[in-house]
Structure formats: C-alpha cells, structure tokens
C-alpha cells in the first residue's frame, strides 16, 4: 500500500550549526526552515563568525561552544549535522 502523505517525523532530522550572524534567510537557504521537507534542528554557536569559519581557527571558548552545539544537535536526534 502506498501512503500519500508521510509525516515529517518519519524522516531523519538534519542538524544545522549556525554562524553567530543574524540575517533574514531567503527561501532555499540552508537557514530557512521552509527549505526542507523534513525536520531541521538549528543551533547557533556564539562567537562563531564567518571569518573564523574561513580561517579554521577557533578560540578556546568558541571551540567549547561548538562542541556543546554538536552535542545538543545529537541529543535532539539529528541524523546528520551540517553548517
């Protein structure tokens, strides 16, 4: 039997790590909740800037918060994490 409508909860959840940057995401953007047909969990890493992400060098505080954000997404049931 084919089911016409599948609940969002039956799909794996995606975890998204966010930069510490506030902007209105456009439809289709990774940070726009309407861009996906499944549940997405977002977590901003305080102090994690675009420049820091480009350099690959985190301060000890941001590294600690980054790890905490990863653990948060895992506990919330994220099957995969991206940013």
C-alpha atoms as a PDB file:
ATOM      1  CA  UNK A   1       0.000   0.000   0.000  1.00  0.00           C
ATOM      2  CA  UNK A   2       1.339   3.427  -0.919  1.00  0.00           C
ATOM      3  CA  UNK A   3       0.876   6.198   1.601  1.00  0.00           C
ATOM      4  CA  UNK A   4       0.041   9.572   0.060  1.00  0.00           C
ATOM      5  CA  UNK A   5       1.105  11.718   2.995  1.00  0.00           C
ATOM      6  CA  UNK A   6       4.089  10.851   5.148  1.00  0.00           C
ATOM      7  CA  UNK A   7       4.530  12.688   8.433  1.00  0.00           C
ATOM      8  CA  UNK A   8       7.673  14.811   8.713  1.00  0.00           C
ATOM      9  CA  UNK A   9       8.587  12.931  11.878  1.00  0.00           C
ATOM     10  CA  UNK A  10       9.092   9.685   9.962  1.00  0.00           C
ATOM     11  CA  UNK A  11      12.191  11.103   8.251  1.00  0.00           C
ATOM     12  CA  UNK A  12      15.595  11.623   9.863  1.00  0.00           C
ATOM     13  CA  UNK A  13      16.275  15.078  11.277  1.00  0.00           C
ATOM     14  CA  UNK A  14      19.027  17.328   9.937  1.00  0.00           C
ATOM     15  CA  UNK A  15      21.114  19.348  12.385  1.00  0.00           C
ATOM     16  CA  UNK A  16      22.434  22.734  11.226  1.00  0.00           C
ATOM     17  CA  UNK A  17      25.205  24.589  13.033  1.00  0.00           C
ATOM     18  CA  UNK A  18      24.799  28.317  12.503  1.00  0.00           C
ATOM     19  CA  UNK A  19      27.280  31.134  12.495  1.00  0.00           C
ATOM     20  CA  UNK A  20      26.772  33.860  15.069  1.00  0.00           C
ATOM     21  CA  UNK A  21      25.252  36.122  12.432  1.00  0.00           C
ATOM     22  CA  UNK A  22      21.703  37.416  12.236  1.00  0.00           C
ATOM     23  CA  UNK A  23      20.136  37.852   8.811  1.00  0.00           C
ATOM     24  CA  UNK A  24      16.773  37.053   7.243  1.00  0.00           C
ATOM     25  CA  UNK A  25      17.336  33.795   5.325  1.00  0.00           C
ATOM     26  CA  UNK A  26      15.740  33.540   1.906  1.00  0.00           C
ATOM     27  CA  UNK A  27      13.668  30.537   0.825  1.00  0.00           C
ATOM     28  CA  UNK A  28      16.050  27.831  -0.336  1.00  0.00           C
ATOM     29  CA  UNK A  29      18.816  28.965   2.023  1.00  0.00           C
ATOM     30  CA  UNK A  30      20.184  26.383   4.488  1.00  0.00           C
ATOM     31  CA  UNK A  31      18.999  28.593   7.374  1.00  0.00           C
ATOM     32  CA  UNK A  32      15.417  28.895   6.101  1.00  0.00           C
ATOM     33  CA  UNK A  33      13.170  26.323   7.834  1.00  0.00           C
ATOM     34  CA  UNK A  34      10.877  26.127   4.792  1.00  0.00           C
ATOM     35  CA  UNK A  35      13.738  24.911   2.589  1.00  0.00           C
ATOM     36  CA  UNK A  36      13.290  21.291   3.631  1.00  0.00           C
ATOM     37  CA  UNK A  37      10.536  18.708   3.547  1.00  0.00           C
ATOM     38  CA  UNK A  38      11.728  17.248   6.839  1.00  0.00           C
ATOM     39  CA  UNK A  39      12.572  18.406  10.343  1.00  0.00           C
ATOM     40  CA  UNK A  40      15.654  20.575  10.805  1.00  0.00           C
ATOM     41  CA  UNK A  41      17.209  21.489  14.139  1.00  0.00           C
ATOM     42  CA  UNK A  42      19.229  24.713  14.272  1.00  0.00           C
ATOM     43  CA  UNK A  43      21.893  25.708  16.778  1.00  0.00           C
ATOM     44  CA  UNK A  44      23.905  28.924  16.679  1.00  0.00           C
ATOM     45  CA  UNK A  45      27.455  28.792  18.005  1.00  0.00           C
ATOM     46  CA  UNK A  46      28.069  32.019  19.970  1.00  0.00           C
ATOM     47  CA  UNK A  47      31.104  33.923  18.699  1.00  0.00           C
ATOM     48  CA  UNK A  48      31.495  31.687  15.623  1.00  0.00           C
ATOM     49  CA  UNK A  49      31.913  34.253  12.841  1.00  0.00           C
ATOM     50  CA  UNK A  50      32.211  33.834   9.072  1.00  0.00           C
ATOM     51  CA  UNK A  51      35.855  34.917   9.258  1.00  0.00           C
ATOM     52  CA  UNK A  52      36.562  32.335  11.964  1.00  0.00           C
ATOM     53  CA  UNK A  53      34.911  29.602   9.899  1.00  0.00           C
ATOM     54  CA  UNK A  54      37.039  30.569   6.876  1.00  0.00           C
ATOM     55  CA  UNK A  55      40.269  30.553   8.877  1.00  0.00           C
ATOM     56  CA  UNK A  56      39.511  27.251  10.608  1.00  0.00           C
ATOM     57  CA  UNK A  57      40.917  28.686  13.837  1.00  0.00           C
ATOM     58  CA  UNK A  58      38.563  28.751  16.801  1.00  0.00           C
ATOM     59  CA  UNK A  59      39.126  30.455  20.113  1.00  0.00           C
ATOM     60  CA  UNK A  60      39.030  28.089  23.102  1.00  0.00           C
ATOM     61  CA  UNK A  61      35.612  29.489  24.105  1.00  0.00           C
ATOM     62  CA  UNK A  62      34.131  29.077  20.612  1.00  0.00           C
ATOM     63  CA  UNK A  63      35.586  25.569  20.357  1.00  0.00           C
ATOM     64  CA  UNK A  64      33.887  24.661  23.664  1.00  0.00           C
ATOM     65  CA  UNK A  65      30.581  26.162  22.443  1.00  0.00           C
ATOM     66  CA  UNK A  66      30.964  24.414  19.060  1.00  0.00           C
ATOM     67  CA  UNK A  67      31.291  21.029  20.774  1.00  0.00           C
ATOM     68  CA  UNK A  68      28.330  21.841  23.031  1.00  0.00           C
ATOM     69  CA  UNK A  69      26.250  22.737  19.947  1.00  0.00           C
ATOM     70  CA  UNK A  70      27.167  19.426  18.282  1.00  0.00           C
ATOM     71  CA  UNK A  71      26.149  17.513  21.410  1.00  0.00           C
ATOM     72  CA  UNK A  72      22.883  19.481  21.582  1.00  0.00           C
ATOM     73  CA  UNK A  73      22.017  18.535  17.986  1.00  0.00           C
ATOM     74  CA  UNK A  74      22.890  14.890  18.655  1.00  0.00           C
ATOM     75  CA  UNK A  75      20.669  14.821  21.751  1.00  0.00           C
ATOM     76  CA  UNK A  76      17.822  16.337  19.732  1.00  0.00           C
ATOM     77  CA  UNK A  77      18.068  13.408  17.312  1.00  0.00           C
ATOM     78  CA  UNK A  78      19.942  14.866  14.337  1.00  0.00           C
ATOM     79  CA  UNK A  79      20.919  12.036  11.983  1.00  0.00           C
ATOM     80  CA  UNK A  80      23.374  14.315  10.151  1.00  0.00           C
ATOM     81  CA  UNK A  81      24.910  17.696  11.009  1.00  0.00           C
ATOM     82  CA  UNK A  82      25.994  20.407   8.597  1.00  0.00           C
ATOM     83  CA  UNK A  83      26.641  24.114   8.700  1.00  0.00           C
END
